Amino acid sequence: MLFDVYLSETDVILYVPSYNSANSANICVGFLFRMNSPYFTGLACETMGEVGIRKLRSRMVQMHKSEDDSPQVKAEDHEQSITNALKNARPLTLADTGSNNNTTRKTKEGASVLKQTPRKSRRARLKVEYDEEGAGLKRERWEPFDWRTQLSFIREMRQNRDAPVDQMGAEKCYDADARPEVRRYQVLISLMLSSQTKDHVTAGAMKRLREQHLSVDAILGMDEETLGKLIYPVGFWKTKVKYIKQTTALIKQNFGGDIPDSVEGLISLPGVGPKMAHLAMDIAWNQVSGIGVDTHVHRISNRLRWTKKETKTPEETRRALEDWLPRDLWSELNWLLVGFGQQVCLPVGPLCSVCLNRHTCPSAHSSSSSSSPRKKIRGTQGSPPAPVKEGPEEAP
């Protein structure tokens, strides 16, 4: 059988003559084998007459010419379609954004143009105020009205330093000639004895203890009965005997015979609370860690409205005062207000008529004139009731 073969770089064409009995005509069957051309995929066989051979050959010539130019033409058409799409695209508006950050627009030429939408910030803007110099943040801080004037008047009324705390307070009860660790221990013991006890009673107990060479070793070698006789009649003396013995043993065992030098260490000792710890840090270690708030400081701070709201306990008052009072005044405040409370701003029947703050104190002249110590003072906000002992304690 005779047939014609045409070869190209990518094509193989076979022309096979044949006879069609139905039409009684000679026909030629052309087989086209394409290797990898993307334009004629699917064209595997084409049947035609003799007249169609010339058309097929002409088509082959066009195919070769098209293949030579197709990559470049396609690339140029693709670039032109993208350029036209960008020219025809309108500016992005808020209505186009929707819920997704990235959206795709279809142009007439079929090109896809990716649009980037700005991300919305989920965090609200913080308003930051700066001081006049612009160096630091400006923080709005609450403070009592005219408190500096009131403090200056209290200093003036306390200038003579003749209150009981000035003569018999914890700063006056230790042996100044003793070793440093012994002096610090004596300061702590005097603070433990002063709880719910008047200053002159505490001073008498400390005098008797110093006569017995008050120290860690002396207390450890002393029985509870002897210790009770020395500290009586301080408030809750039986309980304080146990606390002193336990605290002294811990100081010897855990702190090398010296009192702890931190608030956390001090309040870990039996019978030592926050007020004693802060006062011990100030007096014994000469470090200001906080305000020592007792019943006097607690009462006067509420009467003067030196707390943003009424406080119920001395510890709550301490936190409220430290929130606004300058730190350089913390050490001075305790002895100022304690002596002021002992002489003028008494728990019952405060002497408002002689107080220099009578015109600015919110509680001035509002207290009851009754001298009964059991009757509550109306003008005293947050004043604790008179101390009640745990029960009748007999003298040792």
Protein backbone atom coordinates (compact mmCIF):
# COMPACT_ATOMS: atom_id res chain seq x y z
CA MET A 1 0.00 0.00 0.00
CA LEU A 2 1.28 3.41 -0.93
CA PHE A 3 0.98 6.30 1.48
CA ASP A 4 2.60 9.69 1.96
CA VAL A 5 4.41 10.72 5.19
CA TYR A 6 5.08 14.33 6.23
CA LEU A 7 7.36 15.01 9.18
CA SER A 8 7.89 18.19 11.24
CA GLU A 9 9.44 18.93 14.59
CA THR A 10 6.23 18.14 16.42
CA ASP A 11 3.92 16.46 13.85
CA VAL A 12 3.70 13.21 11.90
CA ILE A 13 1.03 13.10 9.10
CA LEU A 14 0.14 9.99 7.14
CA TYR A 15 -1.95 10.23 3.89
CA VAL A 16 -3.35 6.78 3.02
CA PRO A 17 -5.35 6.37 -0.26
CA SER A 18 -8.54 4.34 -0.01
CA TYR A 19 -11.67 3.48 -1.99
CA ASN A 20 -15.19 4.18 -0.73
CA SER A 21 -17.52 1.58 -2.24
CA ALA A 22 -20.62 3.41 -1.12
CA ASN A 23 -19.81 6.52 -3.14
CA SER A 24 -17.64 4.77 -5.72
CA ALA A 25 -15.00 7.42 -5.19
CA ASN A 26 -11.38 7.50 -4.26
CA ILE A 27 -10.72 9.08 -0.91
CA CYS A 28 -7.60 9.82 1.09
CA VAL A 29 -7.39 9.32 4.82
CA GLY A 30 -5.03 11.65 6.69
CA PHE A 31 -3.69 10.69 10.11
CA LEU A 32 -2.30 13.54 12.19
CA PHE A 33 -0.07 12.64 15.13
CA ARG A 34 0.73 15.64 17.39
CA MET A 35 3.43 15.33 20.03
CA ASN A 36 2.90 18.24 22.38
CA SER A 37 1.12 21.10 20.59
CA PRO A 38 -1.48 22.76 22.88
CA TYR A 39 -3.56 24.09 20.00
CA PHE A 40 -4.72 20.86 18.43
CA THR A 41 -5.17 18.53 21.37
CA GLY A 42 -7.90 16.07 20.66
CA LEU A 43 -7.30 16.05 16.89
CA ALA A 44 -6.20 12.45 16.27
CA CYS A 45 -7.64 11.59 12.89
CA GLU A 46 -9.11 13.54 9.99
CA THR A 47 -10.79 12.00 6.97
CA MET A 48 -11.04 13.99 3.78
CA GLY A 49 -11.22 13.66 0.03
CA GLU A 50 -8.48 14.33 -2.45
CA VAL A 51 -9.61 17.91 -2.68
CA GLY A 52 -9.09 18.34 1.06
CA ILE A 53 -5.44 17.40 0.94
CA ARG A 54 -4.46 20.83 -0.22
CA LYS A 55 -6.47 22.40 2.61
CA LEU A 56 -4.78 20.10 5.10
CA ARG A 57 -1.35 21.06 3.80
CA SER A 58 -2.26 24.73 3.97
CA ARG A 59 -3.45 24.23 7.50
CA MET A 60 -0.15 22.58 8.39
CA VAL A 61 1.75 25.61 7.15
CA GLN A 62 -0.42 27.91 9.27
CA MET A 63 0.02 25.62 12.25
CA HIS A 64 3.82 25.79 12.01
CA LYS A 65 3.75 29.53 11.66
CA SER A 66 1.35 29.87 14.61
CA GLU A 67 3.52 27.65 16.79
CA ASP A 68 6.59 29.72 16.08
CA ASP A 69 4.87 32.90 17.28
CA SER A 70 2.45 31.56 19.89
CA PRO A 71 4.48 31.95 23.14
CA GLN A 72 5.37 35.57 22.48
CA VAL A 73 1.93 36.50 21.16
CA LYS A 74 0.25 34.88 24.16
CA ALA A 75 2.46 36.69 26.62
CA GLU A 76 1.87 40.03 24.93
CA ASP A 77 -1.88 39.46 24.88
CA HIS A 78 -1.82 38.54 28.59
CA GLU A 79 0.14 41.67 29.53
CA GLN A 80 -2.14 43.85 27.40
CA SER A 81 -5.23 42.39 29.07
CA ILE A 82 -3.86 43.14 32.54
CA THR A 83 -2.94 46.69 31.49
CA ASN A 84 -6.42 47.32 30.13
CA ALA A 85 -7.95 45.87 33.30
CA LEU A 86 -5.93 48.20 35.52
CA LYS A 87 -6.93 51.22 33.39
CA ASN A 88 -10.60 50.32 33.56
CA ALA A 89 -10.58 49.48 37.28
CA ARG A 90 -12.17 52.14 39.49
CA PRO A 91 -10.64 53.22 42.82
CA LEU A 92 -11.30 50.99 45.85
CA THR A 93 -14.01 52.24 48.16
CA LEU A 94 -15.23 51.13 51.58
CA ALA A 95 -18.26 49.45 49.99
CA ASP A 96 -15.99 47.14 48.01
CA THR A 97 -14.16 45.77 51.04
CA GLY A 98 -16.82 43.53 52.61
CA SER A 99 -15.79 41.08 55.29
CA ASN A 100 -12.64 39.74 53.58
CA ASN A 101 -9.37 41.62 53.42
CA ASN A 102 -8.48 40.40 49.90
CA THR A 103 -10.99 40.63 47.00
CA THR A 104 -10.67 39.75 43.31
CA ARG A 105 -12.12 41.69 40.39
CA LYS A 106 -12.75 40.16 36.97
CA THR A 107 -12.04 42.33 33.93
CA LYS A 108 -13.57 42.02 30.47
CA GLU A 109 -10.45 40.32 29.16
CA GLY A 110 -10.68 37.68 31.87
CA ALA A 111 -7.69 38.91 33.81
CA SER A 112 -7.79 38.80 37.60
CA VAL A 113 -6.62 41.84 39.52
CA LEU A 114 -5.88 41.35 43.21
CA LYS A 115 -6.92 44.18 45.48
CA GLN A 116 -5.48 44.61 48.95
CA THR A 117 -7.86 46.17 51.44
CA PRO A 118 -6.50 47.88 54.55
CA ARG A 119 -6.87 45.91 57.77
CA LYS A 120 -9.15 47.33 60.37
CA SER A 121 -7.57 47.82 63.78
CA ARG A 122 -9.34 45.89 66.48
CA ARG A 123 -7.81 47.82 69.36
CA ALA A 124 -9.30 51.06 70.50
CA ARG A 125 -6.96 54.01 70.55
CA LEU A 126 -5.52 54.83 73.93
CA LYS A 127 -5.59 58.42 74.98
CA VAL A 128 -2.26 59.28 76.57
CA GLU A 129 -1.70 62.53 78.36
CA TYR A 130 1.75 63.93 78.95
CA ASP A 131 2.94 66.46 81.43
CA GLU A 132 4.10 69.92 80.41
CA GLU A 133 7.64 68.82 79.73
CA GLY A 134 6.49 65.76 77.80
CA ALA A 135 8.93 63.52 79.65
CA GLY A 136 6.51 61.17 81.39
CA LEU A 137 2.94 60.06 81.55
CA LYS A 138 0.45 62.22 83.36
CA ARG A 139 -1.51 60.15 85.87
CA GLU A 140 -4.56 61.59 87.49
CA ARG A 141 -4.23 60.84 91.21
CA TRP A 142 -6.78 61.36 93.93
CA GLU A 143 -5.78 63.26 97.05
CA PRO A 144 -7.73 64.81 99.91
CA PHE A 145 -8.78 68.42 99.75
CA ASP A 146 -6.35 70.79 101.51
CA TRP A 147 -4.45 67.93 103.14
CA ARG A 148 -1.14 69.80 103.14
CA THR A 149 -2.63 72.60 105.23
CA GLN A 150 -4.10 70.08 107.64
CA LEU A 151 -0.76 68.28 107.95
CA SER A 152 1.07 71.52 108.63
CA PHE A 153 -1.39 72.35 111.43
CA ILE A 154 -0.85 68.91 113.00
CA ARG A 155 2.92 69.46 112.89
CA GLU A 156 2.41 72.79 114.64
CA MET A 157 0.29 71.19 117.36
CA ARG A 158 2.92 68.42 117.80
CA GLN A 159 5.98 70.65 117.87
CA ASN A 160 6.48 70.28 121.64
CA ARG A 161 6.74 66.48 121.40
CA ASP A 162 5.19 66.01 124.79
CA ALA A 163 2.73 63.21 124.04
CA PRO A 164 3.13 59.79 125.71
CA VAL A 165 4.42 58.25 122.48
CA ASP A 166 7.26 60.80 122.41
CA GLN A 167 8.52 59.66 125.80
CA MET A 168 7.60 55.98 125.94
CA GLY A 169 7.17 54.80 122.36
CA ALA A 170 9.05 51.96 120.70
CA GLU A 171 11.87 54.36 119.78
CA LYS A 172 12.51 55.01 123.46
CA CYS A 173 12.23 51.50 124.90
CA TYR A 174 15.41 49.78 123.71
CA ASP A 175 18.90 49.85 125.18
CA ALA A 176 20.93 52.24 123.06
CA ASP A 177 24.22 50.73 124.37
CA ALA A 178 23.40 47.15 123.40
CA ARG A 179 24.74 45.37 120.31
CA PRO A 180 22.88 46.18 117.05
CA GLU A 181 21.13 42.81 116.85
CA VAL A 182 20.07 43.10 120.49
CA ARG A 183 18.70 46.62 119.94
CA ARG A 184 16.68 45.41 116.95
CA TYR A 185 15.32 42.49 118.95
CA GLN A 186 14.28 44.82 121.78
CA VAL A 187 12.47 47.08 119.29
CA LEU A 188 10.46 44.10 118.04
CA ILE A 189 9.58 42.95 121.57
CA SER A 190 8.41 46.46 122.54
CA LEU A 191 6.16 46.56 119.46
CA MET A 192 4.67 43.18 120.32
CA LEU A 193 3.94 44.34 123.86
CA SER A 194 2.40 47.66 122.73
CA SER A 195 -0.57 46.05 120.97
CA GLN A 196 -3.79 46.94 122.85
CA THR A 197 -1.65 48.48 125.60
CA LYS A 198 -1.01 52.05 126.72
CA ASP A 199 2.47 53.42 126.27
CA HIS A 200 3.30 53.77 129.94
CA VAL A 201 2.37 50.12 130.57
CA THR A 202 4.55 48.98 127.67
CA ALA A 203 7.43 51.15 128.88
CA GLY A 204 7.20 49.60 132.39
CA ALA A 205 7.28 46.05 131.00
CA MET A 206 10.26 46.84 128.78
CA LYS A 207 12.14 48.35 131.71
CA ARG A 208 11.72 45.14 133.74
CA LEU A 209 12.81 43.00 130.78
CA ARG A 210 15.93 45.09 130.17
CA GLU A 211 16.87 44.66 133.78
CA GLN A 212 17.00 40.93 132.99
CA HIS A 213 19.33 41.62 130.03
CA LEU A 214 16.66 41.28 127.37
CA SER A 215 18.06 39.33 124.41
CA VAL A 216 17.31 36.27 122.32
CA ASP A 217 19.31 33.96 124.54
CA ALA A 218 17.86 35.44 127.75
CA ILE A 219 14.27 34.85 126.61
CA LEU A 220 15.05 31.31 125.43
CA GLY A 221 16.49 30.51 128.85
CA MET A 222 13.49 31.99 130.67
CA ASP A 223 10.38 29.98 131.54
CA GLU A 224 6.92 31.25 130.61
CA GLU A 225 5.91 31.92 134.21
CA THR A 226 8.85 34.24 134.78
CA LEU A 227 8.26 36.00 131.48
CA GLY A 228 4.60 36.49 132.33
CA LYS A 229 5.47 38.18 135.64
CA LEU A 230 7.85 40.57 133.87
CA ILE A 231 5.41 41.76 131.17
CA TYR A 232 2.21 41.88 133.25
CA PRO A 233 -0.13 43.87 133.03
CA VAL A 234 0.16 44.43 129.24
CA GLY A 235 -2.95 43.57 127.27
CA PHE A 236 -3.38 39.85 126.55
CA TRP A 237 -0.19 39.13 128.47
CA LYS A 238 -0.72 35.33 128.51
CA THR A 239 -1.04 35.18 124.73
CA LYS A 240 1.94 37.48 124.30
CA VAL A 241 4.09 35.20 126.48
CA LYS A 242 3.51 32.36 124.00
CA TYR A 243 4.10 34.59 120.98
CA ILE A 244 7.34 35.99 122.38
CA LYS A 245 8.70 32.53 123.15
CA GLN A 246 7.77 31.16 119.70
CA THR A 247 9.06 34.22 117.84
CA THR A 248 12.36 34.20 119.72
CA ALA A 249 12.89 30.51 118.92
CA LEU A 250 12.31 31.16 115.20
CA ILE A 251 14.68 34.13 115.22
CA LYS A 252 17.38 31.95 116.73
CA GLN A 253 16.72 29.00 114.43
CA ASN A 254 15.92 30.63 111.07
CA PHE A 255 17.49 34.10 111.20
CA GLY A 256 20.76 33.62 113.05
CA GLY A 257 19.70 35.43 116.22
CA ASP A 258 18.70 38.69 114.46
CA ILE A 259 15.24 39.83 113.48
CA PRO A 260 14.26 39.50 109.80
CA ASP A 261 15.15 42.43 107.57
CA SER A 262 12.00 42.29 105.42
CA VAL A 263 8.28 42.78 105.95
CA GLU A 264 7.59 39.27 104.68
CA GLY A 265 10.01 37.77 107.18
CA LEU A 266 8.66 39.81 110.07
CA ILE A 267 5.00 39.00 109.53
CA SER A 268 5.92 35.31 109.36
CA LEU A 269 6.66 35.48 113.06
CA PRO A 270 3.86 34.65 115.55
CA GLY A 271 2.16 37.76 116.95
CA VAL A 272 3.68 40.17 114.40
CA GLY A 273 1.26 41.99 112.09
CA PRO A 274 1.72 44.52 109.26
CA LYS A 275 1.79 47.55 111.57
CA MET A 276 4.56 46.07 113.73
CA ALA A 277 6.48 44.90 110.66
CA HIS A 278 6.53 48.34 109.01
CA LEU A 279 7.44 50.10 112.26
CA ALA A 280 10.21 47.56 112.94
CA MET A 281 11.62 48.12 109.46
CA ASP A 282 11.64 51.88 110.07
CA ILE A 283 12.96 51.95 113.65
CA ALA A 284 15.21 48.86 113.73
CA TRP A 285 16.48 48.74 110.14
CA ASN A 286 16.04 52.42 109.17
CA GLN A 287 14.11 51.40 106.06
CA VAL A 288 10.71 52.81 105.12
CA SER A 289 8.60 49.94 103.81
CA GLY A 290 5.14 51.28 104.59
CA ILE A 291 3.02 53.34 106.98
CA GLY A 292 2.52 51.98 110.46
CA VAL A 293 -1.22 52.36 111.06
CA ASP A 294 -2.61 51.78 114.53
CA THR A 295 -6.00 52.76 115.97
CA HIS A 296 -5.01 56.45 116.21
CA VAL A 297 -3.85 56.72 112.58
CA HIS A 298 -6.89 54.76 111.44
CA ARG A 299 -9.34 56.96 113.33
CA ILE A 300 -7.83 60.33 112.41
CA SER A 301 -7.41 59.45 108.72
CA ASN A 302 -11.13 58.70 108.47
CA ARG A 303 -12.11 61.82 110.40
CA LEU A 304 -10.06 64.03 108.09
CA ARG A 305 -11.34 62.12 105.03
CA TRP A 306 -7.78 61.21 104.10
CA THR A 307 -9.08 57.99 102.57
CA LYS A 308 -11.00 58.01 99.31
CA LYS A 309 -13.76 56.03 100.98
CA GLU A 310 -14.43 54.96 104.54
CA THR A 311 -12.12 52.18 105.69
CA LYS A 312 -12.98 49.51 108.22
CA THR A 313 -9.57 48.24 109.36
CA PRO A 314 -6.12 49.74 109.98
CA GLU A 315 -4.64 47.63 107.17
CA GLU A 316 -7.24 48.95 104.74
CA THR A 317 -6.39 52.47 105.87
CA ARG A 318 -2.69 51.83 105.30
CA ARG A 319 -3.25 50.85 101.69
CA ALA A 320 -5.53 53.85 101.11
CA LEU A 321 -2.96 56.29 102.55
CA GLU A 322 -0.03 54.82 100.65
CA ASP A 323 -1.98 55.21 97.42
CA TRP A 324 -1.70 59.01 97.47
CA LEU A 325 0.58 60.18 100.31
CA PRO A 326 4.14 61.00 99.16
CA ARG A 327 6.58 58.34 100.32
CA ASP A 328 8.87 60.79 102.10
CA LEU A 329 6.04 61.42 104.60
CA TRP A 330 5.34 57.78 105.48
CA SER A 331 7.84 57.56 108.33
CA GLU A 332 6.70 60.82 109.94
CA LEU A 333 2.98 60.13 109.78
CA ASN A 334 2.77 57.50 112.52
CA TRP A 335 4.28 59.44 115.39
CA LEU A 336 2.55 62.66 114.26
CA LEU A 337 -0.95 61.19 114.28
CA VAL A 338 -0.42 58.93 117.30
CA GLY A 339 0.61 61.87 119.47
CA PHE A 340 -2.13 64.04 117.95
CA GLY A 341 -4.66 61.33 118.77
CA GLN A 342 -3.39 61.04 122.33
CA GLN A 343 -3.66 64.77 123.04
CA VAL A 344 -6.27 66.40 120.77
CA CYS A 345 -8.18 64.09 118.45
CA LEU A 346 -9.22 61.72 121.23
CA PRO A 347 -11.29 58.59 120.56
CA VAL A 348 -14.05 59.97 122.79
CA GLY A 349 -14.74 63.68 123.10
CA PRO A 350 -12.11 65.07 120.70
CA LEU A 351 -10.96 68.60 121.54
CA CYS A 352 -12.17 70.20 118.31
CA SER A 353 -12.31 73.68 119.90
CA VAL A 354 -8.52 73.80 120.30
CA CYS A 355 -7.68 71.98 117.06
CA LEU A 356 -6.19 74.14 114.30
CA ASN A 357 -8.03 72.03 111.73
CA ARG A 358 -11.47 72.76 113.17
CA HIS A 359 -12.40 74.86 110.11
CA THR A 360 -11.35 72.30 107.50
CA CYS A 361 -11.95 68.97 109.23
CA PRO A 362 -15.17 67.36 107.90
CA SER A 363 -15.81 65.77 111.31
CA ALA A 364 -15.18 68.85 113.45
CA HIS A 365 -17.83 69.55 116.13
CA SER A 366 -19.93 66.60 114.98
CA SER A 367 -18.87 64.31 117.79
CA SER A 368 -20.99 63.62 120.82
CA SER A 369 -20.16 65.63 123.93
CA SER A 370 -20.90 62.66 126.12
CA SER A 371 -17.95 61.53 128.19
CA SER A 372 -19.12 57.93 128.26
CA PRO A 373 -16.42 55.79 126.61
CA ARG A 374 -18.98 53.18 125.54
CA LYS A 375 -21.10 55.60 123.50
CA LYS A 376 -20.17 55.71 119.82
CA ILE A 377 -18.99 59.02 118.42
CA ARG A 378 -21.08 60.04 115.44
CA GLY A 379 -18.31 62.05 113.82
CA THR A 380 -15.80 59.22 114.02
CA GLN A 381 -15.83 57.28 110.76
CA GLY A 382 -14.46 53.80 110.92
CA SER A 383 -13.33 54.14 114.55
CA PRO A 384 -12.85 50.71 116.11
CA PRO A 385 -14.65 49.95 119.36
CA ALA A 386 -12.83 50.03 122.65
CA PRO A 387 -10.52 47.01 122.97
CA VAL A 388 -12.06 44.08 124.76
CA LYS A 389 -9.73 41.60 126.39
CA GLU A 390 -10.04 37.89 125.79
CA GLY A 391 -11.28 37.42 129.35
CA PRO A 392 -10.33 38.21 132.90
CA GLU A 393 -6.65 37.49 133.19
CA GLU A 394 -5.30 37.04 136.65
CA ALA A 395 -2.04 38.54 137.71
CA PRO A 396 0.85 36.06 137.72
